[in-house]
Amino acid sequence: IQRGIELICAYTQNRLDIRFAADSARISKLHL
């Protein structure tokens, strides 16, 4: 799960050229 979150953050950071770190991201939606 942590690896998946890191991949989401890395893609978003590279795509938008902004800081998007997993350790400071907020969860706005979660499907269990």
Full PDB file with SEQRES, HELIX, SHEET, SSBOND, CRYST1, ORIGX, SCALE, CONECT and MASTER records, all heavy atoms in Angstrom:
SEQRES   1 A   32  ILE GLN ARG GLY ILE GLU LEU ILE CYS ALA TYR THR GLN          
SEQRES   2 A   32  ASN ARG LEU ASP ILE ARG PHE ALA ALA ASP SER ALA ARG          
SEQRES   3 A   32  ILE SER LYS LEU HIS LEU                                      
HELIX    1 AA1 GLN A    2  LEU A   16  1                                  15    
HELIX    2 AA2 ALA A   22  SER A   24  5                                   3    
CRYST1    1.000    1.000    1.000  90.00  90.00  90.00 P 1           1          
ORIGX1      1.000000  0.000000  0.000000        0.00000                         
ORIGX2      0.000000  1.000000  0.000000        0.00000                         
ORIGX3      0.000000  0.000000  1.000000        0.00000                         
SCALE1      1.000000  0.000000  0.000000        0.00000                         
SCALE2      0.000000  1.000000  0.000000        0.00000                         
SCALE3      0.000000  0.000000  1.000000        0.00000                         
ATOM      1  N   ILE A   1       0.842  -1.204   0.000  1.00  0.00           N  
ATOM      2  CA  ILE A   1       0.000   0.000   0.000  1.00  0.00           C  
ATOM      3  C   ILE A   1       0.871   1.246   0.000  1.00  0.00           C  
ATOM      4  O   ILE A   1       0.631   2.185  -0.758  1.00  0.00           O  
ATOM      5  CB  ILE A   1      -0.964  -0.018   1.199  1.00  0.00           C  
ATOM      6  CG1 ILE A   1      -1.956  -1.166   1.044  1.00  0.00           C  
ATOM      7  CG2 ILE A   1      -1.693   1.309   1.332  1.00  0.00           C  
ATOM      8  CD1 ILE A   1      -2.784  -1.439   2.269  1.00  0.00           C  
ATOM      9  N   GLN A   2       1.907   1.251   0.834  1.00  0.00           N  
ATOM     10  CA  GLN A   2       2.820   2.399   0.887  1.00  0.00           C  
ATOM     11  C   GLN A   2       3.523   2.606  -0.452  1.00  0.00           C  
ATOM     12  O   GLN A   2       3.685   3.739  -0.908  1.00  0.00           O  
ATOM     13  CB  GLN A   2       3.840   2.216   2.011  1.00  0.00           C  
ATOM     14  CG  GLN A   2       4.700   3.432   2.257  1.00  0.00           C  
ATOM     15  CD  GLN A   2       3.900   4.646   2.690  1.00  0.00           C  
ATOM     16  OE1 GLN A   2       2.945   4.529   3.450  1.00  0.00           O  
ATOM     17  NE2 GLN A   2       4.269   5.809   2.215  1.00  0.00           N  
ATOM     18  N   ARG A   3       3.903   1.509  -1.106  1.00  0.00           N  
ATOM     19  CA  ARG A   3       4.547   1.608  -2.424  1.00  0.00           C  
ATOM     20  C   ARG A   3       3.582   2.210  -3.443  1.00  0.00           C  
ATOM     21  O   ARG A   3       3.961   3.052  -4.268  1.00  0.00           O  
ATOM     22  CB  ARG A   3       5.013   0.226  -2.880  1.00  0.00           C  
ATOM     23  CG  ARG A   3       5.819   0.255  -4.165  1.00  0.00           C  
ATOM     24  CD  ARG A   3       6.532  -1.065  -4.411  1.00  0.00           C  
ATOM     25  NE  ARG A   3       5.655  -2.210  -4.346  1.00  0.00           N  
ATOM     26  CZ  ARG A   3       5.141  -2.833  -5.418  1.00  0.00           C  
ATOM     27  NH1 ARG A   3       5.408  -2.388  -6.628  1.00  0.00           N  
ATOM     28  NH2 ARG A   3       4.356  -3.879  -5.282  1.00  0.00           N  
ATOM     29  N   GLY A   4       2.298   1.825  -3.386  1.00  0.00           N  
ATOM     30  CA  GLY A   4       1.294   2.398  -4.275  1.00  0.00           C  
ATOM     31  C   GLY A   4       1.111   3.889  -4.042  1.00  0.00           C  
ATOM     32  O   GLY A   4       1.025   4.677  -4.988  1.00  0.00           O  
ATOM     33  N   ILE A   5       1.073   4.294  -2.776  1.00  0.00           N  
ATOM     34  CA  ILE A   5       0.952   5.721  -2.442  1.00  0.00           C  
ATOM     35  C   ILE A   5       2.158   6.497  -2.941  1.00  0.00           C  
ATOM     36  O   ILE A   5       2.026   7.588  -3.507  1.00  0.00           O  
ATOM     37  CB  ILE A   5       0.741   5.896  -0.923  1.00  0.00           C  
ATOM     38  CG1 ILE A   5      -0.644   5.372  -0.532  1.00  0.00           C  
ATOM     39  CG2 ILE A   5       0.936   7.343  -0.502  1.00  0.00           C  
ATOM     40  CD1 ILE A   5      -0.880   5.287   0.954  1.00  0.00           C  
ATOM     41  N   GLU A   6       3.341   5.927  -2.766  1.00  0.00           N  
ATOM     42  CA  GLU A   6       4.565   6.584  -3.255  1.00  0.00           C  
ATOM     43  C   GLU A   6       4.546   6.725  -4.775  1.00  0.00           C  
ATOM     44  O   GLU A   6       4.970   7.762  -5.306  1.00  0.00           O  
ATOM     45  CB  GLU A   6       5.806   5.786  -2.824  1.00  0.00           C  
ATOM     46  CG  GLU A   6       6.077   5.798  -1.340  1.00  0.00           C  
ATOM     47  CD  GLU A   6       6.572   7.131  -0.818  1.00  0.00           C  
ATOM     48  OE1 GLU A   6       7.058   7.961  -1.611  1.00  0.00           O  
ATOM     49  OE2 GLU A   6       6.461   7.343   0.403  1.00  0.00           O  
ATOM     50  N   LEU A   7       4.040   5.725  -5.487  1.00  0.00           N  
ATOM     51  CA  LEU A   7       3.947   5.813  -6.951  1.00  0.00           C  
ATOM     52  C   LEU A   7       2.982   6.903  -7.392  1.00  0.00           C  
ATOM     53  O   LEU A   7       3.251   7.641  -8.346  1.00  0.00           O  
ATOM     54  CB  LEU A   7       3.527   4.461  -7.539  1.00  0.00           C  
ATOM     55  CG  LEU A   7       4.579   3.355  -7.499  1.00  0.00           C  
ATOM     56  CD1 LEU A   7       3.959   2.020  -7.888  1.00  0.00           C  
ATOM     57  CD2 LEU A   7       5.751   3.699  -8.397  1.00  0.00           C  
ATOM     58  N   ILE A   8       1.847   7.020  -6.699  1.00  0.00           N  
ATOM     59  CA  ILE A   8       0.886   8.080  -7.009  1.00  0.00           C  
ATOM     60  C   ILE A   8       1.532   9.447  -6.812  1.00  0.00           C  
ATOM     61  O   ILE A   8       1.420  10.335  -7.663  1.00  0.00           O  
ATOM     62  CB  ILE A   8      -0.383   7.944  -6.133  1.00  0.00           C  
ATOM     63  CG1 ILE A   8      -1.172   6.702  -6.539  1.00  0.00           C  
ATOM     64  CG2 ILE A   8      -1.258   9.191  -6.236  1.00  0.00           C  
ATOM     65  CD1 ILE A   8      -2.298   6.351  -5.582  1.00  0.00           C  
ATOM     66  N   CYS A   9       2.215   9.622  -5.695  1.00  0.00           N  
ATOM     67  CA  CYS A   9       2.854  10.909  -5.397  1.00  0.00           C  
ATOM     68  C   CYS A   9       3.969  11.232  -6.392  1.00  0.00           C  
ATOM     69  O   CYS A   9       4.076  12.369  -6.851  1.00  0.00           O  
ATOM     70  CB  CYS A   9       3.396  10.905  -3.971  1.00  0.00           C  
ATOM     71  SG  CYS A   9       2.089  10.892  -2.723  1.00  0.00           S  
ATOM     72  N   ALA A  10       4.797  10.243  -6.705  1.00  0.00           N  
ATOM     73  CA  ALA A  10       5.903  10.474  -7.639  1.00  0.00           C  
ATOM     74  C   ALA A  10       5.386  10.854  -9.025  1.00  0.00           C  
ATOM     75  O   ALA A  10       5.904  11.783  -9.663  1.00  0.00           O  
ATOM     76  CB  ALA A  10       6.784   9.236  -7.727  1.00  0.00           C  
ATOM     77  N   TYR A  11       4.352  10.161  -9.508  1.00  0.00           N  
ATOM     78  CA  TYR A  11       3.788  10.488 -10.815  1.00  0.00           C  
ATOM     79  C   TYR A  11       3.232  11.909 -10.828  1.00  0.00           C  
ATOM     80  O   TYR A  11       3.490  12.686 -11.754  1.00  0.00           O  
ATOM     81  CB  TYR A  11       2.683   9.492 -11.200  1.00  0.00           C  
ATOM     82  CG  TYR A  11       1.980   9.886 -12.478  1.00  0.00           C  
ATOM     83  CD1 TYR A  11       2.530   9.577 -13.714  1.00  0.00           C  
ATOM     84  CD2 TYR A  11       0.789  10.604 -12.452  1.00  0.00           C  
ATOM     85  CE1 TYR A  11       1.903   9.958 -14.891  1.00  0.00           C  
ATOM     86  CE2 TYR A  11       0.154  10.987 -13.618  1.00  0.00           C  
ATOM     87  CZ  TYR A  11       0.717  10.660 -14.834  1.00  0.00           C  
ATOM     88  OH  TYR A  11       0.090  11.055 -15.985  1.00  0.00           O  
ATOM     89  N   THR A  12       2.476  12.261  -9.795  1.00  0.00           N  
ATOM     90  CA  THR A  12       1.854  13.583  -9.736  1.00  0.00           C  
ATOM     91  C   THR A  12       2.913  14.670  -9.650  1.00  0.00           C  
ATOM     92  O   THR A  12       2.821  15.712 -10.310  1.00  0.00           O  
ATOM     93  CB  THR A  12       0.892  13.670  -8.540  1.00  0.00           C  
ATOM     94  OG1 THR A  12      -0.038  12.584  -8.639  1.00  0.00           O  
ATOM     95  CG2 THR A  12       0.139  14.979  -8.531  1.00  0.00           C  
ATOM     96  N   GLN A  13       3.934  14.438  -8.847  1.00  0.00           N  
ATOM     97  CA  GLN A  13       5.025  15.413  -8.705  1.00  0.00           C  
ATOM     98  C   GLN A  13       5.747  15.618 -10.034  1.00  0.00           C  
ATOM     99  O   GLN A  13       6.018  16.758 -10.434  1.00  0.00           O  
ATOM    100  CB  GLN A  13       5.994  14.920  -7.633  1.00  0.00           C  
ATOM    101  CG  GLN A  13       7.105  15.900  -7.314  1.00  0.00           C  
ATOM    102  CD  GLN A  13       7.813  15.519  -6.037  1.00  0.00           C  
ATOM    103  OE1 GLN A  13       7.184  15.272  -5.030  1.00  0.00           O  
ATOM    104  NE2 GLN A  13       9.133  15.475  -6.096  1.00  0.00           N  
ATOM    105  N   ASN A  14       6.037  14.538 -10.732  1.00  0.00           N  
ATOM    106  CA  ASN A  14       6.722  14.657 -12.027  1.00  0.00           C  
ATOM    107  C   ASN A  14       5.819  15.269 -13.091  1.00  0.00           C  
ATOM    108  O   ASN A  14       6.278  16.058 -13.916  1.00  0.00           O  
ATOM    109  CB  ASN A  14       7.215  13.285 -12.501  1.00  0.00           C  
ATOM    110  CG  ASN A  14       8.353  12.772 -11.655  1.00  0.00           C  
ATOM    111  OD1 ASN A  14       9.052  13.543 -11.004  1.00  0.00           O  
ATOM    112  ND2 ASN A  14       8.519  11.468 -11.647  1.00  0.00           N  
ATOM    113  N   ARG A  15       4.548  14.922 -13.079  1.00  0.00           N  
ATOM    114  CA  ARG A  15       3.614  15.409 -14.107  1.00  0.00           C  
ATOM    115  C   ARG A  15       3.358  16.903 -13.988  1.00  0.00           C  
ATOM    116  O   ARG A  15       3.255  17.604 -14.983  1.00  0.00           O  
ATOM    117  CB  ARG A  15       2.297  14.627 -13.989  1.00  0.00           C  
ATOM    118  CG  ARG A  15       1.256  14.966 -15.025  1.00  0.00           C  
ATOM    119  CD  ARG A  15       1.656  14.412 -16.385  1.00  0.00           C  
ATOM    120  NE  ARG A  15       0.602  14.577 -17.336  1.00  0.00           N  
ATOM    121  CZ  ARG A  15       0.516  15.609 -18.176  1.00  0.00           C  
ATOM    122  NH1 ARG A  15       1.415  16.561 -18.156  1.00  0.00           N  
ATOM    123  NH2 ARG A  15      -0.479  15.695 -19.026  1.00  0.00           N  
ATOM    124  N   LEU A  16       3.242  17.395 -12.739  1.00  0.00           N  
ATOM    125  CA  LEU A  16       2.914  18.808 -12.529  1.00  0.00           C  
ATOM    126  C   LEU A  16       4.119  19.674 -12.189  1.00  0.00           C  
ATOM    127  O   LEU A  16       4.000  20.893 -12.131  1.00  0.00           O  
ATOM    128  CB  LEU A  16       1.876  18.936 -11.408  1.00  0.00           C  
ATOM    129  CG  LEU A  16       0.509  18.330 -11.678  1.00  0.00           C  
ATOM    130  CD1 LEU A  16      -0.374  18.483 -10.449  1.00  0.00           C  
ATOM    131  CD2 LEU A  16      -0.137  18.983 -12.880  1.00  0.00           C  
ATOM    132  N   ASP A  17       5.263  19.049 -11.919  1.00  0.00           N  
ATOM    133  CA  ASP A  17       6.476  19.772 -11.540  1.00  0.00           C  
ATOM    134  C   ASP A  17       6.247  20.619 -10.277  1.00  0.00           C  
ATOM    135  O   ASP A  17       6.605  21.791 -10.213  1.00  0.00           O  
ATOM    136  CB  ASP A  17       6.972  20.644 -12.696  1.00  0.00           C  
ATOM    137  CG  ASP A  17       8.394  21.136 -12.468  1.00  0.00           C  
ATOM    138  OD1 ASP A  17       9.144  20.448 -11.753  1.00  0.00           O  
ATOM    139  OD2 ASP A  17       8.740  22.226 -12.978  1.00  0.00           O  
ATOM    140  N   ILE A  18       5.592  20.005  -9.281  1.00  0.00           N  
ATOM    141  CA  ILE A  18       5.381  20.628  -7.974  1.00  0.00           C  
ATOM    142  C   ILE A  18       5.721  19.595  -6.906  1.00  0.00           C  
ATOM    143  O   ILE A  18       5.857  18.410  -7.199  1.00  0.00           O  
ATOM    144  CB  ILE A  18       3.923  21.099  -7.769  1.00  0.00           C  
ATOM    145  CG1 ILE A  18       2.949  19.921  -7.842  1.00  0.00           C  
ATOM    146  CG2 ILE A  18       3.549  22.189  -8.750  1.00  0.00           C  
ATOM    147  CD1 ILE A  18       1.553  20.239  -7.372  1.00  0.00           C  
ATOM    148  N   ARG A  19       5.848  20.048  -5.678  1.00  0.00           N  
ATOM    149  CA  ARG A  19       6.084  19.125  -4.571  1.00  0.00           C  
ATOM    150  C   ARG A  19       4.775  18.403  -4.242  1.00  0.00           C  
ATOM    151  O   ARG A  19       3.754  19.031  -4.003  1.00  0.00           O  
ATOM    152  CB  ARG A  19       6.586  19.885  -3.347  1.00  0.00           C  
ATOM    153  CG  ARG A  19       6.968  18.980  -2.212  1.00  0.00           C  
ATOM    154  CD  ARG A  19       7.567  19.790  -1.049  1.00  0.00           C  
ATOM    155  NE  ARG A  19       7.983  18.906  -0.002  1.00  0.00           N  
ATOM    156  CZ  ARG A  19       7.168  18.377   0.917  1.00  0.00           C  
ATOM    157  NH1 ARG A  19       5.893  18.673   0.895  1.00  0.00           N  
ATOM    158  NH2 ARG A  19       7.631  17.567   1.855  1.00  0.00           N  
ATOM    159  N   PHE A  20       4.824  17.072  -4.223  1.00  0.00           N  
ATOM    160  CA  PHE A  20       3.666  16.255  -3.890  1.00  0.00           C  
ATOM    161  C   PHE A  20       4.197  15.032  -3.132  1.00  0.00           C  
ATOM    162  O   PHE A  20       4.329  13.946  -3.674  1.00  0.00           O  
ATOM    163  CB  PHE A  20       2.916  15.829  -5.158  1.00  0.00           C  
ATOM    164  CG  PHE A  20       1.488  15.415  -4.924  1.00  0.00           C  
ATOM    165  CD1 PHE A  20       0.463  16.330  -5.071  1.00  0.00           C  
ATOM    166  CD2 PHE A  20       1.168  14.113  -4.552  1.00  0.00           C  
ATOM    167  CE1 PHE A  20      -0.856  15.959  -4.863  1.00  0.00           C  
ATOM    168  CE2 PHE A  20      -0.144  13.735  -4.338  1.00  0.00           C  
ATOM    169  CZ  PHE A  20      -1.162  14.659  -4.489  1.00  0.00           C  
ATOM    170  N   ALA A  21       4.521  15.237  -1.854  1.00  0.00           N  
ATOM    171  CA  ALA A  21       5.166  14.207  -1.051  1.00  0.00           C  
ATOM    172  C   ALA A  21       4.137  13.373  -0.296  1.00  0.00           C  
ATOM    173  O   ALA A  21       3.128  13.887   0.184  1.00  0.00           O  
ATOM    174  CB  ALA A  21       6.132  14.849  -0.067  1.00  0.00           C  
ATOM    175  N   ALA A  22       4.425  12.098  -0.175  1.00  0.00           N  
ATOM    176  CA  ALA A  22       3.510  11.179   0.505  1.00  0.00           C  
ATOM    177  C   ALA A  22       3.399  11.488   1.999  1.00  0.00           C  
ATOM    178  O   ALA A  22       2.329  11.340   2.581  1.00  0.00           O  
ATOM    179  CB  ALA A  22       3.965   9.740   0.306  1.00  0.00           C  
ATOM    180  N   ASP A  23       4.481  11.923   2.606  1.00  0.00           N  
ATOM    181  CA  ASP A  23       4.450  12.148   4.054  1.00  0.00           C  
ATOM    182  C   ASP A  23       3.646  13.384   4.458  1.00  0.00           C  
ATOM    183  O   ASP A  23       3.262  13.515   5.617  1.00  0.00           O  
ATOM    184  CB  ASP A  23       5.871  12.237   4.616  1.00  0.00           C  
ATOM    185  CG  ASP A  23       6.691  13.352   3.993  1.00  0.00           C  
ATOM    186  OD1 ASP A  23       6.263  13.923   2.968  1.00  0.00           O  
ATOM    187  OD2 ASP A  23       7.769  13.660   4.531  1.00  0.00           O  
ATOM    188  N   SER A  24       3.356  14.265   3.520  1.00  0.00           N  
ATOM    189  CA  SER A  24       2.564  15.454   3.851  1.00  0.00           C  
ATOM    190  C   SER A  24       1.233  15.512   3.096  1.00  0.00           C  
ATOM    191  O   SER A  24       0.492  16.478   3.231  1.00  0.00           O  
ATOM    192  CB  SER A  24       3.370  16.727   3.570  1.00  0.00           C  
ATOM    193  OG  SER A  24       3.751  16.779   2.214  1.00  0.00           O  
ATOM    194  N   ALA A  25       0.925  14.485   2.324  1.00  0.00           N  
ATOM    195  CA  ALA A  25      -0.349  14.454   1.582  1.00  0.00           C  
ATOM    196  C   ALA A  25      -1.487  14.139   2.541  1.00  0.00           C  
ATOM    197  O   ALA A  25      -1.312  13.458   3.549  1.00  0.00           O  
ATOM    198  CB  ALA A  25      -0.290  13.408   0.477  1.00  0.00           C  
ATOM    199  N   ARG A  26      -2.657  14.646   2.205  1.00  0.00           N  
ATOM    200  CA  ARG A  26      -3.873  14.339   2.965  1.00  0.00           C  
ATOM    201  C   ARG A  26      -4.710  13.368   2.152  1.00  0.00           C  
ATOM    202  O   ARG A  26      -4.758  13.444   0.930  1.00  0.00           O  
ATOM    203  CB  ARG A  26      -4.672  15.597   3.238  1.00  0.00           C  
ATOM    204  CG  ARG A  26      -3.935  16.549   4.133  1.00  0.00           C  
ATOM    205  CD  ARG A  26      -4.724  17.812   4.334  1.00  0.00           C  
ATOM    206  NE  ARG A  26      -3.948  18.738   5.117  1.00  0.00           N  
ATOM    207  CZ  ARG A  26      -4.345  19.201   6.290  1.00  0.00           C  
ATOM    208  NH1 ARG A  26      -5.497  18.846   6.787  1.00  0.00           N  
ATOM    209  NH2 ARG A  26      -3.584  20.033   6.963  1.00  0.00           N  
ATOM    210  N   ILE A  27      -5.397  12.482   2.840  1.00  0.00           N  
ATOM    211  CA  ILE A  27      -6.285  11.550   2.164  1.00  0.00           C  
ATOM    212  C   ILE A  27      -7.653  12.206   2.070  1.00  0.00           C  
ATOM    213  O   ILE A  27      -8.266  12.523   3.085  1.00  0.00           O  
ATOM    214  CB  ILE A  27      -6.375  10.214   2.923  1.00  0.00           C  
ATOM    215  CG1 ILE A  27      -4.997   9.550   2.955  1.00  0.00           C  
ATOM    216  CG2 ILE A  27      -7.407   9.301   2.279  1.00  0.00           C  
ATOM    217  CD1 ILE A  27      -4.938   8.315   3.816  1.00  0.00           C  
ATOM    218  N   SER A  28      -8.131  12.439   0.850  1.00  0.00           N  
ATOM    219  CA  SER A  28      -9.434  13.075   0.690  1.00  0.00           C  
ATOM    220  C   SER A  28     -10.532  12.060   0.380  1.00  0.00           C  
ATOM    221  O   SER A  28     -11.703  12.345   0.566  1.00  0.00           O  
ATOM    222  CB  SER A  28      -9.391  14.144  -0.396  1.00  0.00           C  
ATOM    223  OG  SER A  28      -9.211  13.554  -1.652  1.00  0.00           O  
ATOM    224  N   LYS A  29     -10.145  10.869  -0.105  1.00  0.00           N  
ATOM    225  CA  LYS A  29     -11.126   9.820  -0.380  1.00  0.00           C  
ATOM    226  C   LYS A  29     -10.423   8.477  -0.249  1.00  0.00           C  
ATOM    227  O   LYS A  29      -9.272   8.330  -0.662  1.00  0.00           O  
ATOM    228  CB  LYS A  29     -11.716   9.975  -1.775  1.00  0.00           C  
ATOM    229  CG  LYS A  29     -12.753   8.932  -2.101  1.00  0.00           C  
ATOM    230  CD  LYS A  29     -13.551   9.164  -3.372  1.00  0.00           C  
ATOM    231  CE  LYS A  29     -12.791   9.639  -4.553  1.00  0.00           C  
ATOM    232  NZ  LYS A  29     -13.589   9.648  -5.789  1.00  0.00           N  
ATOM    233  N   LEU A  30     -11.154   7.517   0.314  1.00  0.00           N  
ATOM    234  CA  LEU A  30     -10.579   6.199   0.515  1.00  0.00           C  
ATOM    235  C   LEU A  30     -11.666   5.154   0.299  1.00  0.00           C  
ATOM    236  O   LEU A  30     -12.727   5.237   0.908  1.00  0.00           O  
ATOM    237  CB  LEU A  30     -10.024   6.096   1.939  1.00  0.00           C  
ATOM    238  CG  LEU A  30      -9.303   4.827   2.333  1.00  0.00           C  
ATOM    239  CD1 LEU A  30      -8.007   4.696   1.549  1.00  0.00           C  
ATOM    240  CD2 LEU A  30      -9.002   4.860   3.828  1.00  0.00           C  
ATOM    241  N   HIS A  31     -11.413   4.208  -0.586  1.00  0.00           N  
ATOM    242  CA  HIS A  31     -12.342   3.096  -0.807  1.00  0.00           C  
ATOM    243  C   HIS A  31     -11.741   1.857  -0.157  1.00  0.00           C  
ATOM    244  O   HIS A  31     -10.619   1.468  -0.474  1.00  0.00           O  
ATOM    245  CB  HIS A  31     -12.543   2.820  -2.289  1.00  0.00           C  
ATOM    246  CG  HIS A  31     -13.263   3.897  -3.002  1.00  0.00           C  
ATOM    247  ND1 HIS A  31     -13.569   3.816  -4.334  1.00  0.00           N  
ATOM    248  CD2 HIS A  31     -13.743   5.091  -2.600  1.00  0.00           C  
ATOM    249  CE1 HIS A  31     -14.204   4.912  -4.709  1.00  0.00           C  
ATOM    250  NE2 HIS A  31     -14.310   5.701  -3.666  1.00  0.00           N  
ATOM    251  N   LEU A  32     -12.490   1.260   0.736  1.00  0.00           N  
ATOM    252  CA  LEU A  32     -12.060   0.028   1.386  1.00  0.00           C  
ATOM    253  C   LEU A  32     -12.826  -1.130   0.774  1.00  0.00           C  
ATOM    254  O   LEU A  32     -13.985  -0.995   0.393  1.00  0.00           O  
ATOM    255  CB  LEU A  32     -12.324   0.102   2.887  1.00  0.00           C  
ATOM    256  CG  LEU A  32     -11.621   1.254   3.608  1.00  0.00           C  
ATOM    257  CD1 LEU A  32     -12.071   1.321   5.053  1.00  0.00           C  
ATOM    258  CD2 LEU A  32     -10.118   1.118   3.529  1.00  0.00           C  
TER     259      LEU A  32                                                      
MASTER        0    0    0    2    0    0    0    6  258    1    0    3          
END                                                                             
